[in-house]
């Protein structure tokens, strides 16, 4: 089931204080970027984050879920209504995220 644009808009609004948050639509789902680095995505109207050390520390009881069949498990964010928490979470994990790969021409 594809994620709704309304849910995407809600997550983007929650993260708006950060600046530098972008998304790309991918097969009915959405990949979320922070300053060019992938932090997670929206899959079946669930906000899933990469399981970095910082994210695990901030969400020790978070469930690990598959975004789609064949993918690596990601952390399910339950607390999407807490704007301050979401922004702190994204900022805390930023340094642990891989830099974007350069495209070869």
Protein backbone atom coordinates (compact mmCIF):
# COMPACT_ATOMS: atom_id res chain seq x y z
CA UNK A 1 0.00 0.00 0.00
CA UNK A 2 1.58 3.31 -1.01
CA UNK A 3 2.04 6.00 1.61
CA UNK A 4 -0.24 9.02 1.51
CA UNK A 5 0.97 12.48 0.53
CA UNK A 6 -0.84 13.77 3.64
CA UNK A 7 1.38 11.64 5.91
CA UNK A 8 4.49 12.82 4.05
CA UNK A 9 3.38 16.43 4.44
CA UNK A 10 2.82 15.89 8.17
CA UNK A 11 6.32 14.45 8.68
CA UNK A 12 7.89 17.24 6.63
CA UNK A 13 6.00 19.81 8.70
CA UNK A 14 7.24 18.18 11.90
CA UNK A 15 10.83 18.38 10.61
CA UNK A 16 10.49 21.90 9.18
CA UNK A 17 12.41 23.64 12.02
CA UNK A 18 15.56 21.81 10.88
CA UNK A 19 15.79 23.15 7.35
CA UNK A 20 17.65 21.02 4.82
CA UNK A 21 15.02 18.26 4.82
CA UNK A 22 14.07 16.93 1.41
CA UNK A 23 12.37 13.85 0.02
CA UNK A 24 12.23 11.77 -3.12
CA UNK A 25 9.24 9.73 -4.18
CA UNK A 26 10.13 6.11 -4.90
CA UNK A 27 7.51 3.56 -6.01
CA UNK A 28 4.72 5.02 -3.89
CA UNK A 29 6.95 5.59 -0.87
CA UNK A 30 9.22 8.46 0.18
CA UNK A 31 12.93 8.61 1.04
CA UNK A 32 13.75 11.37 3.58
CA UNK A 33 17.06 13.27 3.33
CA UNK A 34 18.72 15.69 5.74
CA UNK A 35 21.41 17.85 4.14
CA UNK A 36 21.80 15.26 1.39
CA UNK A 37 22.07 12.20 3.66
CA UNK A 38 19.34 9.55 3.85
CA UNK A 39 17.89 9.42 7.38
CA UNK A 40 14.99 7.12 6.63
CA UNK A 41 11.74 7.01 4.79
CA UNK A 42 8.00 6.72 4.83
CA UNK A 43 6.77 3.23 4.01
CA UNK A 44 3.10 2.21 4.27
CA UNK A 45 2.47 5.41 6.28
CA UNK A 46 5.17 4.46 8.81
CA UNK A 47 8.17 6.70 9.49
CA UNK A 48 11.19 4.39 9.57
CA UNK A 49 14.72 5.57 10.38
CA UNK A 50 18.16 4.08 9.77
CA UNK A 51 19.24 2.16 12.87
CA UNK A 52 22.23 4.32 13.81
CA UNK A 53 23.72 4.21 17.31
CA UNK A 54 22.19 7.60 18.12
CA UNK A 55 18.74 6.53 16.93
CA UNK A 56 18.91 3.30 18.95
CA UNK A 57 19.97 5.26 22.02
CA UNK A 58 17.14 7.76 21.65
CA UNK A 59 14.55 5.05 20.89
CA UNK A 60 15.69 2.00 22.89
CA UNK A 61 12.28 0.33 22.70
CA UNK A 62 11.62 1.02 19.01
CA UNK A 63 10.50 -1.90 16.90
CA UNK A 64 12.64 -3.00 13.99
CA UNK A 65 10.52 -3.28 10.86
CA UNK A 66 11.03 -4.02 7.20
CA UNK A 67 10.24 -1.09 4.94
CA UNK A 68 9.58 -3.55 2.09
CA UNK A 69 10.35 -7.16 1.21
CA UNK A 70 14.07 -7.79 0.85
CA UNK A 71 15.19 -4.57 2.57
CA UNK A 72 17.21 -4.14 5.74
CA UNK A 73 15.25 -3.58 8.94
CA UNK A 74 14.78 -0.01 10.12
CA UNK A 75 13.65 1.59 13.38
CA UNK A 76 9.96 2.45 13.59
CA UNK A 77 9.38 5.98 14.93
CA UNK A 78 6.32 5.93 17.19
CA UNK A 79 6.67 9.47 18.49
CA UNK A 80 6.00 11.39 15.25
CA UNK A 81 3.76 13.89 17.05
CA UNK A 82 6.68 15.21 19.14
CA UNK A 83 8.31 17.76 16.82
CA UNK A 84 11.22 18.53 19.16
CA UNK A 85 12.05 14.83 19.56
CA UNK A 86 11.98 14.21 15.79
CA UNK A 87 14.27 17.16 15.09
CA UNK A 88 16.68 16.12 17.86
CA UNK A 89 16.68 12.56 16.50
CA UNK A 90 17.56 13.61 12.95
CA UNK A 91 20.30 15.95 14.15
CA UNK A 92 21.76 13.30 16.48
CA UNK A 93 22.04 10.70 13.73
CA UNK A 94 23.40 13.01 11.02
CA UNK A 95 27.12 12.46 11.68
CA UNK A 96 26.66 8.68 11.61
CA UNK A 97 25.01 8.70 8.19
CA UNK A 98 27.10 8.04 5.08
CA UNK A 99 27.76 11.00 2.82
CA UNK A 100 26.00 10.83 -0.53
CA UNK A 101 27.87 8.89 -3.19
CA UNK A 102 29.27 10.93 -6.03
CA UNK A 103 27.77 10.14 -9.42
CA UNK A 104 30.19 9.15 -12.15
CA UNK A 105 29.73 10.83 -15.49
